[in-house]
Amino acid sequence: MTKKKKKAPAEIIPESVIPKEQDKRSIEVSKIVPGINPRGTMQAEGISELTENIKTHGLINALLVRPVKKGYEIVAGNRRLKAVKSLKWEKVDCVIMDLTDEEAFEYAVIENLQREDVHPLDEAKAFETILKRSSIEDLAARVNKTESYIIRRTKLSDLIEPLKQAYYAGDITYLTAKRSAGCRKIFRYNVWTG
């Protein structure tokens, strides 16, 4: 399989989802409700570091929100929102976009996949959700990953729950998780639970 040419961010994200600068404004933090968080887990240590960074340098990147009945729903920037809430900010800069549920989810996934510290299980969960509505070829092009990378990640979802918890906790490595995901479920359960 040949490696796909890396695409620029504008080619990965549909034009309808790319924020426009004129859509940016300051919104009351209390009017922003939680949205989809494909990241799954947020480390408390990472949030406190981010909070200190925002306290010192301010918020560099605006949050991405979409209008909902009771205000705005966060699309991208869950960690930043949590940090500004802990700093007791009354308002925060946001980019407001009218997005469908599918567009909002895809944008949140793509934004989170650009991070280096996304846990492979969170990545697998996000890929599986998108694959319900999209082909693997299309997904690979949108997230700038190879098809084999996506297949390897999604196989991690086959892990039994105790192994998933162990992997999240750092008790097993990626290699152990990958190999365990390839074993038959009854074998994984018997080996892990004794």
N, C-alpha and C. Protein backbone atom coordinates (compact mmCIF):
# COMPACT_ATOMS: atom_id res chain seq x y z
N MET A 1 0.84 -1.18 0.00
CA MET A 1 0.00 0.00 0.00
C MET A 1 0.88 1.24 0.00
N THR A 2 0.57 2.19 -0.83
CA THR A 2 1.36 3.41 -0.89
C THR A 2 0.88 4.39 0.16
N LYS A 3 1.83 5.14 0.67
CA LYS A 3 1.49 6.12 1.69
C LYS A 3 0.81 7.31 1.03
N LYS A 4 -0.27 7.77 1.64
CA LYS A 4 -1.02 8.90 1.09
C LYS A 4 -0.26 10.19 1.31
N LYS A 5 -0.37 11.08 0.32
CA LYS A 5 0.24 12.39 0.43
C LYS A 5 -0.48 13.17 1.53
N LYS A 6 0.30 13.82 2.39
CA LYS A 6 -0.31 14.61 3.46
C LYS A 6 -1.09 15.77 2.86
N LYS A 7 -2.27 16.00 3.42
CA LYS A 7 -3.12 17.08 2.93
C LYS A 7 -3.03 18.27 3.88
N ALA A 8 -3.21 19.44 3.33
CA ALA A 8 -3.26 20.65 4.14
C ALA A 8 -4.57 20.65 4.91
N PRO A 9 -4.62 21.32 6.09
CA PRO A 9 -5.84 21.32 6.89
C PRO A 9 -7.09 21.72 6.11
N ALA A 10 -6.98 22.65 5.19
CA ALA A 10 -8.15 23.08 4.41
C ALA A 10 -8.67 21.96 3.53
N GLU A 11 -7.81 20.99 3.16
CA GLU A 11 -8.25 19.88 2.32
C GLU A 11 -8.87 18.77 3.17
N ILE A 12 -8.49 18.69 4.43
CA ILE A 12 -9.00 17.65 5.31
C ILE A 12 -10.41 18.00 5.80
N ILE A 13 -10.61 19.23 6.20
CA ILE A 13 -11.88 19.67 6.77
C ILE A 13 -12.74 20.27 5.66
N PRO A 14 -13.99 19.84 5.54
CA PRO A 14 -14.85 20.41 4.51
C PRO A 14 -14.95 21.92 4.64
N GLU A 15 -15.06 22.61 3.52
CA GLU A 15 -15.12 24.07 3.53
C GLU A 15 -16.20 24.60 4.44
N SER A 16 -17.34 23.90 4.49
CA SER A 16 -18.46 24.38 5.30
C SER A 16 -18.13 24.39 6.79
N VAL A 17 -17.06 23.69 7.19
CA VAL A 17 -16.73 23.57 8.60
C VAL A 17 -15.56 24.48 9.00
N ILE A 18 -14.83 25.03 8.04
CA ILE A 18 -13.69 25.88 8.36
C ILE A 18 -14.19 27.20 8.94
N PRO A 19 -13.75 27.51 10.18
CA PRO A 19 -14.22 28.74 10.80
C PRO A 19 -13.79 29.98 10.04
N LYS A 20 -14.65 30.95 9.99
CA LYS A 20 -14.36 32.24 9.38
C LYS A 20 -14.09 33.23 10.51
N GLU A 21 -13.14 34.12 10.32
CA GLU A 21 -12.74 35.05 11.38
C GLU A 21 -13.92 35.92 11.84
N GLN A 22 -14.83 36.30 10.94
CA GLN A 22 -15.94 37.16 11.32
C GLN A 22 -16.94 36.48 12.24
N ASP A 23 -16.83 35.16 12.40
CA ASP A 23 -17.74 34.42 13.28
C ASP A 23 -17.24 34.41 14.73
N LYS A 24 -16.17 35.11 15.01
CA LYS A 24 -15.57 35.09 16.34
C LYS A 24 -16.17 36.19 17.22
N ARG A 25 -16.59 35.79 18.45
CA ARG A 25 -17.03 36.79 19.42
C ARG A 25 -16.90 36.25 20.84
N SER A 26 -17.03 37.14 21.79
CA SER A 26 -16.91 36.78 23.19
C SER A 26 -18.28 36.33 23.71
N ILE A 27 -18.31 35.17 24.36
CA ILE A 27 -19.57 34.58 24.85
C ILE A 27 -19.44 34.31 26.35
N GLU A 28 -20.55 34.47 27.07
CA GLU A 28 -20.56 34.16 28.50
C GLU A 28 -20.31 32.66 28.69
N VAL A 29 -19.38 32.34 29.56
CA VAL A 29 -19.00 30.95 29.83
C VAL A 29 -20.22 30.15 30.29
N SER A 30 -21.09 30.78 31.07
CA SER A 30 -22.27 30.07 31.59
C SER A 30 -23.25 29.65 30.49
N LYS A 31 -23.13 30.22 29.30
CA LYS A 31 -24.03 29.87 28.19
C LYS A 31 -23.47 28.76 27.30
N ILE A 32 -22.30 28.23 27.65
CA ILE A 32 -21.68 27.17 26.85
C ILE A 32 -21.90 25.84 27.55
N VAL A 33 -22.56 24.93 26.85
CA VAL A 33 -22.86 23.61 27.41
C VAL A 33 -21.91 22.57 26.83
N PRO A 34 -21.68 21.47 27.57
CA PRO A 34 -20.79 20.42 27.05
C PRO A 34 -21.34 19.83 25.76
N GLY A 35 -20.45 19.40 24.93
CA GLY A 35 -20.82 18.74 23.67
C GLY A 35 -20.17 17.39 23.59
N ILE A 36 -19.99 16.93 22.39
CA ILE A 36 -19.33 15.66 22.15
C ILE A 36 -17.86 15.82 22.47
N ASN A 37 -17.31 14.87 23.21
CA ASN A 37 -15.88 14.90 23.49
C ASN A 37 -15.27 13.58 23.04
N PRO A 38 -14.79 13.53 21.78
CA PRO A 38 -14.21 12.28 21.29
C PRO A 38 -12.94 11.88 22.04
N ARG A 39 -12.38 12.79 22.77
CA ARG A 39 -11.16 12.51 23.52
C ARG A 39 -11.42 11.48 24.61
N GLY A 40 -12.63 11.46 25.15
CA GLY A 40 -13.00 10.47 26.16
C GLY A 40 -12.47 10.79 27.54
N THR A 41 -11.17 10.79 27.72
CA THR A 41 -10.59 11.02 29.03
C THR A 41 -9.82 12.34 29.04
N MET A 42 -9.87 13.02 30.18
CA MET A 42 -9.08 14.24 30.35
C MET A 42 -8.26 14.06 31.61
N GLN A 43 -6.95 14.17 31.48
CA GLN A 43 -6.06 14.02 32.63
C GLN A 43 -6.09 15.30 33.47
N ALA A 44 -6.30 15.16 34.79
CA ALA A 44 -6.37 16.31 35.68
C ALA A 44 -5.07 17.12 35.64
N GLU A 45 -3.94 16.41 35.53
CA GLU A 45 -2.64 17.09 35.48
C GLU A 45 -2.54 17.98 34.24
N GLY A 46 -3.01 17.46 33.11
CA GLY A 46 -2.98 18.24 31.87
C GLY A 46 -3.87 19.47 31.94
N ILE A 47 -5.02 19.34 32.59
CA ILE A 47 -5.94 20.47 32.74
C ILE A 47 -5.32 21.54 33.62
N SER A 48 -4.68 21.14 34.71
CA SER A 48 -4.08 22.15 35.59
C SER A 48 -2.91 22.86 34.90
N GLU A 49 -2.14 22.12 34.08
CA GLU A 49 -1.07 22.76 33.32
C GLU A 49 -1.64 23.75 32.32
N LEU A 50 -2.70 23.35 31.63
CA LEU A 50 -3.35 24.23 30.67
C LEU A 50 -3.92 25.47 31.37
N THR A 51 -4.52 25.27 32.53
CA THR A 51 -5.08 26.39 33.30
C THR A 51 -3.99 27.40 33.64
N GLU A 52 -2.85 26.89 34.12
CA GLU A 52 -1.74 27.79 34.45
C GLU A 52 -1.23 28.52 33.21
N ASN A 53 -1.17 27.82 32.09
CA ASN A 53 -0.72 28.44 30.84
C ASN A 53 -1.67 29.55 30.41
N ILE A 54 -2.98 29.29 30.49
CA ILE A 54 -3.97 30.31 30.11
C ILE A 54 -3.93 31.48 31.09
N LYS A 55 -3.72 31.18 32.36
CA LYS A 55 -3.63 32.24 33.37
C LYS A 55 -2.45 33.17 33.06
N THR A 56 -1.34 32.58 32.63
CA THR A 56 -0.14 33.36 32.34
C THR A 56 -0.18 34.06 30.99
N HIS A 57 -0.64 33.34 29.94
CA HIS A 57 -0.54 33.86 28.58
C HIS A 57 -1.87 34.23 27.94
N GLY A 58 -2.96 33.92 28.60
CA GLY A 58 -4.27 34.16 28.00
C GLY A 58 -4.67 33.02 27.10
N LEU A 59 -5.86 33.10 26.56
CA LEU A 59 -6.38 32.07 25.67
C LEU A 59 -5.93 32.39 24.25
N ILE A 60 -5.09 31.54 23.68
CA ILE A 60 -4.53 31.80 22.36
C ILE A 60 -5.50 31.39 21.26
N ASN A 61 -6.14 30.24 21.41
CA ASN A 61 -7.09 29.75 20.40
C ASN A 61 -8.51 29.81 20.93
N ALA A 62 -9.39 30.42 20.14
CA ALA A 62 -10.80 30.50 20.52
C ALA A 62 -11.43 29.11 20.52
N LEU A 63 -12.49 28.96 21.30
CA LEU A 63 -13.25 27.72 21.31
C LEU A 63 -14.14 27.69 20.07
N LEU A 64 -14.48 26.51 19.61
CA LEU A 64 -15.45 26.37 18.52
C LEU A 64 -16.75 25.90 19.14
N VAL A 65 -17.83 26.67 18.91
CA VAL A 65 -19.14 26.34 19.46
C VAL A 65 -20.17 26.38 18.35
N ARG A 66 -21.33 25.78 18.64
CA ARG A 66 -22.45 25.88 17.72
C ARG A 66 -23.68 26.26 18.53
N PRO A 67 -24.59 27.04 17.90
CA PRO A 67 -25.79 27.45 18.63
C PRO A 67 -26.71 26.26 18.91
N VAL A 68 -27.26 26.23 20.13
CA VAL A 68 -28.26 25.24 20.52
C VAL A 68 -29.36 25.99 21.28
N LYS A 69 -30.43 25.30 21.65
CA LYS A 69 -31.57 25.96 22.29
C LYS A 69 -31.19 26.75 23.53
N LYS A 70 -30.32 26.21 24.36
CA LYS A 70 -29.99 26.88 25.63
C LYS A 70 -28.64 27.57 25.60
N GLY A 71 -28.25 28.11 24.48
CA GLY A 71 -26.99 28.82 24.38
C GLY A 71 -26.11 28.28 23.28
N TYR A 72 -24.94 27.76 23.67
CA TYR A 72 -23.97 27.25 22.70
C TYR A 72 -23.41 25.94 23.19
N GLU A 73 -23.14 25.03 22.26
CA GLU A 73 -22.54 23.75 22.59
C GLU A 73 -21.09 23.75 22.13
N ILE A 74 -20.20 23.28 23.01
CA ILE A 74 -18.79 23.22 22.66
C ILE A 74 -18.56 22.13 21.61
N VAL A 75 -17.83 22.47 20.57
CA VAL A 75 -17.47 21.51 19.53
C VAL A 75 -16.00 21.15 19.66
N ALA A 76 -15.16 22.14 19.78
CA ALA A 76 -13.71 21.92 19.94
C ALA A 76 -13.19 22.88 21.00
N GLY A 77 -12.50 22.33 21.97
CA GLY A 77 -11.93 23.16 23.04
C GLY A 77 -12.46 22.79 24.42
N ASN A 78 -12.86 21.54 24.62
CA ASN A 78 -13.37 21.10 25.93
C ASN A 78 -12.38 21.36 27.06
N ARG A 79 -11.12 21.08 26.82
CA ARG A 79 -10.10 21.29 27.86
C ARG A 79 -9.92 22.77 28.14
N ARG A 80 -9.91 23.58 27.09
CA ARG A 80 -9.77 25.03 27.28
C ARG A 80 -10.97 25.59 28.05
N LEU A 81 -12.18 25.08 27.74
CA LEU A 81 -13.37 25.53 28.46
C LEU A 81 -13.27 25.17 29.93
N LYS A 82 -12.85 23.95 30.22
CA LYS A 82 -12.69 23.53 31.62
C LYS A 82 -11.68 24.42 32.34
N ALA A 83 -10.61 24.77 31.64
CA ALA A 83 -9.57 25.62 32.24
C ALA A 83 -10.10 27.03 32.53
N VAL A 84 -10.81 27.64 31.58
CA VAL A 84 -11.31 29.01 31.83
C VAL A 84 -12.40 29.01 32.89
N LYS A 85 -13.15 27.92 33.00
CA LYS A 85 -14.15 27.82 34.07
C LYS A 85 -13.45 27.79 35.43
N SER A 86 -12.35 27.05 35.52
CA SER A 86 -11.63 26.97 36.80
C SER A 86 -10.99 28.32 37.15
N LEU A 87 -10.73 29.13 36.13
CA LEU A 87 -10.19 30.47 36.36
C LEU A 87 -11.31 31.49 36.65
N LYS A 88 -12.54 31.00 36.59
CA LYS A 88 -13.74 31.82 36.86
C LYS A 88 -13.90 32.99 35.88
N TRP A 89 -13.52 32.75 34.62
CA TRP A 89 -13.74 33.76 33.58
C TRP A 89 -15.24 33.87 33.34
N GLU A 90 -15.69 35.07 33.09
CA GLU A 90 -17.11 35.28 32.78
C GLU A 90 -17.37 35.11 31.28
N LYS A 91 -16.41 35.51 30.44
CA LYS A 91 -16.57 35.41 28.99
C LYS A 91 -15.33 34.77 28.39
N VAL A 92 -15.52 34.18 27.19
CA VAL A 92 -14.41 33.54 26.49
C VAL A 92 -14.62 33.74 24.99
N ASP A 93 -13.52 33.90 24.24
CA ASP A 93 -13.60 34.06 22.79
C ASP A 93 -14.01 32.74 22.15
N CYS A 94 -14.97 32.81 21.24
CA CYS A 94 -15.48 31.63 20.56
C CYS A 94 -15.67 31.90 19.08
N VAL A 95 -15.54 30.87 18.29
CA VAL A 95 -15.93 30.89 16.89
C VAL A 95 -17.27 30.16 16.85
N ILE A 96 -18.29 30.83 16.33
CA ILE A 96 -19.63 30.26 16.29
C ILE A 96 -19.92 29.77 14.89
N MET A 97 -20.30 28.49 14.79
CA MET A 97 -20.60 27.90 13.49
C MET A 97 -21.94 27.16 13.58
N ASP A 98 -22.73 27.25 12.52
CA ASP A 98 -23.93 26.43 12.40
C ASP A 98 -23.49 25.09 11.83
N LEU A 99 -23.49 24.07 12.65
CA LEU A 99 -23.02 22.76 12.24
C LEU A 99 -24.07 21.70 12.52
N THR A 100 -24.16 20.73 11.63
CA THR A 100 -25.01 19.57 11.89
C THR A 100 -24.32 18.72 12.94
N ASP A 101 -25.03 17.73 13.49
CA ASP A 101 -24.42 16.83 14.46
C ASP A 101 -23.20 16.13 13.87
N GLU A 102 -23.33 15.68 12.62
CA GLU A 102 -22.24 14.98 11.95
C GLU A 102 -21.04 15.89 11.74
N GLU A 103 -21.27 17.10 11.26
CA GLU A 103 -20.16 18.04 11.06
C GLU A 103 -19.49 18.38 12.37
N ALA A 104 -20.28 18.59 13.43
CA ALA A 104 -19.72 18.93 14.74
C ALA A 104 -18.84 17.79 15.25
N PHE A 105 -19.34 16.57 15.13
CA PHE A 105 -18.57 15.42 15.60
C PHE A 105 -17.27 15.28 14.81
N GLU A 106 -17.36 15.38 13.48
CA GLU A 106 -16.17 15.23 12.66
C GLU A 106 -15.14 16.31 12.96
N TYR A 107 -15.61 17.53 13.15
CA TYR A 107 -14.68 18.61 13.46
C TYR A 107 -14.01 18.36 14.80
N ALA A 108 -14.78 17.92 15.80
CA ALA A 108 -14.22 17.63 17.12
C ALA A 108 -13.18 16.51 17.03
N VAL A 109 -13.49 15.48 16.26
CA VAL A 109 -12.57 14.35 16.10
C VAL A 109 -11.28 14.82 15.43
N ILE A 110 -11.42 15.54 14.35
CA ILE A 110 -10.23 15.99 13.61
C ILE A 110 -9.37 16.90 14.47
N GLU A 111 -10.01 17.81 15.22
CA GLU A 111 -9.27 18.71 16.09
C GLU A 111 -8.51 17.92 17.16
N ASN A 112 -9.15 16.90 17.73
CA ASN A 112 -8.51 16.10 18.76
C ASN A 112 -7.44 15.18 18.21
N LEU A 113 -7.62 14.68 17.00
CA LEU A 113 -6.63 13.78 16.41
C LEU A 113 -5.34 14.52 16.06
N GLN A 114 -5.42 15.83 15.95
CA GLN A 114 -4.22 16.61 15.66
C GLN A 114 -3.31 16.72 16.88
N ARG A 115 -3.81 16.34 18.04
CA ARG A 115 -3.01 16.38 19.25
C ARG A 115 -2.11 15.16 19.29
N GLU A 116 -0.98 15.28 19.97
CA GLU A 116 -0.05 14.18 20.08
C GLU A 116 -0.44 13.22 21.18
N ASP A 117 -1.22 13.67 22.15
CA ASP A 117 -1.48 12.86 23.33
C ASP A 117 -2.86 12.19 23.34
N VAL A 118 -3.47 12.00 22.18
CA VAL A 118 -4.75 11.31 22.13
C VAL A 118 -4.51 9.83 22.42
N HIS A 119 -5.25 9.29 23.37
CA HIS A 119 -5.08 7.88 23.72
C HIS A 119 -5.57 7.02 22.56
N PRO A 120 -4.85 5.98 22.21
CA PRO A 120 -5.26 5.12 21.09
C PRO A 120 -6.68 4.55 21.21
N LEU A 121 -7.15 4.29 22.43
CA LEU A 121 -8.53 3.79 22.59
C LEU A 121 -9.56 4.87 22.26
N ASP A 122 -9.25 6.12 22.60
CA ASP A 122 -10.14 7.23 22.24
C ASP A 122 -10.14 7.43 20.72
N GLU A 123 -8.97 7.29 20.14
CA GLU A 123 -8.84 7.38 18.69
C GLU A 123 -9.65 6.28 18.01
N ALA A 124 -9.55 5.06 18.53
CA ALA A 124 -10.29 3.92 17.97
C ALA A 124 -11.79 4.17 18.03
N LYS A 125 -12.26 4.67 19.16
CA LYS A 125 -13.69 4.95 19.34
C LYS A 125 -14.16 6.01 18.34
N ALA A 126 -13.36 7.04 18.15
CA ALA A 126 -13.71 8.10 17.22
C ALA A 126 -13.74 7.57 15.78
N PHE A 127 -12.73 6.80 15.41
CA PHE A 127 -12.69 6.23 14.07
C PHE A 127 -13.91 5.35 13.81
N GLU A 128 -14.26 4.51 14.79
CA GLU A 128 -15.41 3.62 14.61
C GLU A 128 -16.70 4.40 14.39
N THR A 129 -16.86 5.48 15.12
CA THR A 129 -18.07 6.28 14.98
C THR A 129 -18.15 6.89 13.58
N ILE A 130 -17.05 7.42 13.09
CA ILE A 130 -17.04 8.02 11.75
C ILE A 130 -17.24 6.94 10.69
N LEU A 131 -16.68 5.76 10.91
CA LEU A 131 -16.79 4.68 9.91
C LEU A 131 -18.22 4.18 9.76
N LYS A 132 -19.09 4.48 10.69
CA LYS A 132 -20.51 4.12 10.55
C LYS A 132 -21.17 4.92 9.44
N ARG A 133 -20.57 6.09 9.11
CA ARG A 133 -21.16 6.97 8.10
C ARG A 133 -20.23 7.24 6.92
N SER A 134 -19.05 6.64 6.94
CA SER A 134 -18.04 6.99 5.95
C SER A 134 -17.22 5.77 5.59
N SER A 135 -16.57 5.82 4.43
CA SER A 135 -15.69 4.72 4.03
C SER A 135 -14.32 4.91 4.69
N ILE A 136 -13.58 3.83 4.78
CA ILE A 136 -12.25 3.92 5.37
C ILE A 136 -11.33 4.79 4.52
N GLU A 137 -11.51 4.75 3.20
CA GLU A 137 -10.70 5.58 2.31
C GLU A 137 -10.95 7.07 2.57
N ASP A 138 -12.23 7.42 2.71
CA ASP A 138 -12.60 8.81 2.96
C ASP A 138 -12.07 9.27 4.32
N LEU A 139 -12.23 8.42 5.34
CA LEU A 139 -11.74 8.76 6.67
C LEU A 139 -10.22 8.95 6.65
N ALA A 140 -9.52 8.04 6.02
CA ALA A 140 -8.05 8.14 5.95
C ALA A 140 -7.62 9.46 5.33
N ALA A 141 -8.31 9.87 4.28
CA ALA A 141 -7.97 11.14 3.63
C ALA A 141 -8.28 12.33 4.55
N ARG A 142 -9.39 12.27 5.26
CA ARG A 142 -9.78 13.40 6.12
C ARG A 142 -8.91 13.57 7.33
N VAL A 143 -8.41 12.47 7.90
CA VAL A 143 -7.58 12.58 9.10
C VAL A 143 -6.09 12.43 8.81
N ASN A 144 -5.77 12.28 7.53
CA ASN A 144 -4.38 12.22 7.10
C ASN A 144 -3.62 11.05 7.72
N LYS A 145 -4.28 9.89 7.74
CA LYS A 145 -3.67 8.66 8.23
C LYS A 145 -3.83 7.59 7.15
N THR A 146 -3.01 6.54 7.22
CA THR A 146 -3.16 5.45 6.26
C THR A 146 -4.34 4.58 6.66
N GLU A 147 -4.87 3.84 5.70
CA GLU A 147 -5.98 2.93 5.99
C GLU A 147 -5.53 1.86 6.99
N SER A 148 -4.30 1.36 6.85
CA SER A 148 -3.83 0.33 7.78
C SER A 148 -3.72 0.87 9.20
N TYR A 149 -3.34 2.14 9.35
CA TYR A 149 -3.28 2.76 10.67
C TYR A 149 -4.68 2.75 11.31
N ILE A 150 -5.68 3.13 10.53
CA ILE A 150 -7.05 3.17 11.04
C ILE A 150 -7.53 1.77 11.41
N ILE A 151 -7.23 0.79 10.59
CA ILE A 151 -7.62 -0.59 10.88
C ILE A 151 -6.97 -1.08 12.18
N ARG A 152 -5.67 -0.80 12.34
CA ARG A 152 -4.97 -1.22 13.56
C ARG A 152 -5.60 -0.57 14.80
N ARG A 153 -5.91 0.71 14.69
CA ARG A 153 -6.51 1.41 15.83
C ARG A 153 -7.89 0.86 16.17
N THR A 154 -8.73 0.66 15.17
CA THR A 154 -10.09 0.21 15.45
C THR A 154 -10.11 -1.20 16.04
N LYS A 155 -9.10 -2.00 15.77
CA LYS A 155 -9.04 -3.34 16.37
C LYS A 155 -8.89 -3.27 17.88
N LEU A 156 -8.36 -2.16 18.39
CA LEU A 156 -8.22 -2.00 19.84
C LEU A 156 -9.58 -2.02 20.54
N SER A 157 -10.64 -1.70 19.82
CA SER A 157 -11.98 -1.71 20.40
C SER A 157 -12.42 -3.12 20.76
N ASP A 158 -11.74 -4.13 20.24
CA ASP A 158 -12.06 -5.52 20.54
C ASP A 158 -11.57 -5.95 21.92
N LEU A 159 -10.79 -5.11 22.57
CA LEU A 159 -10.28 -5.46 23.89
C LEU A 159 -11.44 -5.63 24.88
N ILE A 160 -11.32 -6.57 25.79
CA ILE A 160 -12.33 -6.69 26.84
C ILE A 160 -12.15 -5.53 27.82
N GLU A 161 -13.19 -5.21 28.55
CA GLU A 161 -13.18 -4.03 29.42
C GLU A 161 -12.03 -3.98 30.42
N PRO A 162 -11.69 -5.09 31.12
CA PRO A 162 -10.55 -5.01 32.05
C PRO A 162 -9.24 -4.62 31.35
N LEU A 163 -9.04 -5.08 30.11
CA LEU A 163 -7.83 -4.71 29.37
C LEU A 163 -7.87 -3.25 28.94
N LYS A 164 -9.05 -2.77 28.57
CA LYS A 164 -9.17 -1.35 28.22
C LYS A 164 -8.80 -0.49 29.42
N GLN A 165 -9.33 -0.84 30.58
CA GLN A 165 -9.03 -0.08 31.80
C GLN A 165 -7.55 -0.13 32.13
N ALA A 166 -6.95 -1.31 31.96
CA ALA A 166 -5.51 -1.45 32.22
C ALA A 166 -4.69 -0.60 31.25
N TYR A 167 -5.13 -0.55 30.00
CA TYR A 167 -4.41 0.24 29.00
C TYR A 167 -4.54 1.73 29.30
N TYR A 168 -5.75 2.17 29.65
CA TYR A 168 -5.93 3.58 30.03
C TYR A 168 -5.05 3.94 31.24
N ALA A 169 -4.96 3.01 32.18
CA ALA A 169 -4.20 3.28 33.41
C ALA A 169 -2.69 3.19 33.19
N GLY A 170 -2.27 2.67 32.03
CA GLY A 170 -0.85 2.54 31.75
C GLY A 170 -0.26 1.25 32.29
N ASP A 171 -1.12 0.32 32.69
CA ASP A 171 -0.65 -0.95 33.23
C ASP A 171 -0.20 -1.92 32.14
N ILE A 172 -0.66 -1.71 30.91
CA ILE A 172 -0.18 -2.50 29.77
C ILE A 172 0.22 -1.54 28.66
N THR A 173 1.11 -1.99 27.80
CA THR A 173 1.62 -1.16 26.71
C THR A 173 0.72 -1.26 25.48
N TYR A 174 0.99 -0.41 24.50
CA TYR A 174 0.26 -0.47 23.24
C TYR A 174 0.46 -1.84 22.59
N LEU A 175 1.68 -2.33 22.60
CA LEU A 175 1.97 -3.62 21.97
C LEU A 175 1.18 -4.74 22.62
N THR A 176 1.11 -4.75 23.94
CA THR A 176 0.32 -5.76 24.66
C THR A 176 -1.16 -5.62 24.31
N ALA A 177 -1.65 -4.39 24.27
CA ALA A 177 -3.06 -4.15 23.93
C ALA A 177 -3.35 -4.61 22.51
N LYS A 178 -2.45 -4.28 21.59
CA LYS A 178 -2.62 -4.67 20.18
C LYS A 178 -2.65 -6.19 20.04
N ARG A 179 -1.70 -6.86 20.69
CA ARG A 179 -1.65 -8.33 20.61
C ARG A 179 -2.87 -8.96 21.27
N SER A 180 -3.29 -8.41 22.39
CA SER A 180 -4.46 -8.94 23.09
C SER A 180 -5.73 -8.76 22.27
N ALA A 181 -5.82 -7.65 21.55
CA ALA A 181 -7.00 -7.39 20.71
C ALA A 181 -7.09 -8.42 19.59
N GLY A 182 -5.96 -8.97 19.19
CA GLY A 182 -5.95 -9.96 18.12
C GLY A 182 -6.28 -11.37 18.59
N CYS A 183 -6.33 -11.58 19.91
CA CYS A 183 -6.65 -12.91 20.45
C CYS A 183 -8.16 -13.10 20.51
N ARG A 184 -8.57 -14.35 20.59
CA ARG A 184 -9.99 -14.64 20.74
C ARG A 184 -10.46 -14.12 22.09
N LYS A 185 -11.68 -13.63 22.14
CA LYS A 185 -12.20 -12.98 23.34
C LYS A 185 -12.17 -13.89 24.57
N ILE A 186 -12.54 -15.14 24.43
CA ILE A 186 -12.56 -16.06 25.57
C ILE A 186 -11.16 -16.25 26.13
N PHE A 187 -10.15 -16.30 25.25
CA PHE A 187 -8.76 -16.45 25.69
C PHE A 187 -8.32 -15.19 26.46
N ARG A 188 -8.63 -14.01 25.91
CA ARG A 188 -8.25 -12.75 26.59
C ARG A 188 -8.86 -12.70 27.97
N TYR A 189 -10.13 -13.08 28.10
CA TYR A 189 -10.82 -13.02 29.38
C TYR A 189 -10.17 -13.98 30.38
N ASN A 190 -9.92 -15.22 29.96
CA ASN A 190 -9.33 -16.22 30.85
C ASN A 190 -7.93 -15.83 31.30
N VAL A 191 -7.12 -15.31 30.38
CA VAL A 191 -5.75 -14.91 30.73
C VAL A 191 -5.76 -13.71 31.66
N TRP A 192 -6.61 -12.72 31.38
CA TRP A 192 -6.59 -11.49 32.15
C TRP A 192 -7.21 -11.66 33.53
N THR A 193 -8.30 -12.42 33.61
CA THR A 193 -9.01 -12.54 34.89
C THR A 193 -8.56 -13.74 35.71
N GLY A 194 -7.78 -14.62 35.08
CA GLY A 194 -7.24 -15.77 35.79
C GLY A 194 -8.27 -16.83 35.88
